[in-house]
């Protein structure tokens, strides 16, 4: 029985490694971009790259089918859809693909946990407990990865927002209309933040396609999920509706945003003293005590030994 379990675990591990190599891209993103820039991408794309692309498409189709089969209407996944949009996954197939990954990870890790627990000699209850623990981790880890991607994207957008707002103020005060100013900002921000430029460029494309500017800006705030972006969009919409000066409103909002960023930096600096307590208490102080008190304790022990 032990050999059967070990063989099945080895077989599944080998299949998993083959799947990873099949799904992994043939070249890194930087290499592909450089090849495209030099015009060599079409020449160096061979059968291996095409095969990898087809295999990735097959795996994605299987996971999407699994997600559609597990929850065909996605009635309880509106929050997950919103989080996927915030993470940059806007395709219609992103939600069933995410659901499929979660359920596939739960099933596979449960089987691995039970088989692994039986292989190391655990009792049935403990092997099932290990399987359920690994299944829970398979359910949680994809959500954690999506959350980390959301945090990383929002942090980049937050860093680029004050500079973009200052540039927008300059463009509006120079006499450009708001639509032309948004296009100019999206063009210039490509040198600072490609993500911010792409999000703003998508809003500009929506405006050109006939979407009202208010709706396009609200869609921009919904896609990013950044509170500062939502407050900026709300201010711009209210300014246009009430007929006030857009340049003055943008300058006031830019000043308040810079003040908020400075206050957040001061808050983070003030938290460093509290965060340094744990490294000092658990890492530096014990070593310092050993260096300072170690020789004295050795001398005291030797003196007591001589007296005894």
Foldseek 3Di string as FASTA:
>chain_A
DLVVLVVVLVVVVVVVVVLVVLQDAPDDPVVCVVCVVVVNNVVPDDPSRVSSVVSNVVVQVVQLVQLCVVPVPCPPCPVVQLLCLLLPNPDPSPRSNLSSQLVVQLVVQLSVQLSVCVNVPHDNVVSNVSSNVSSVCSNVVSVVVSVVSSVVLLVLCLVCVLVLLVQLLVCVVVPDDNLVSLLVSLVVCCVPDPSNSVLSVVLSVCVVVPDDNLVSQVVSCSSNVHPLSVVVSVQQVVCVVVVHDPSVSSVVSSVVSVVVVVVVVVVVVVCVVVVVPVCCVPPVVVVVCCVPCVVVVVVVVVVVVVVD
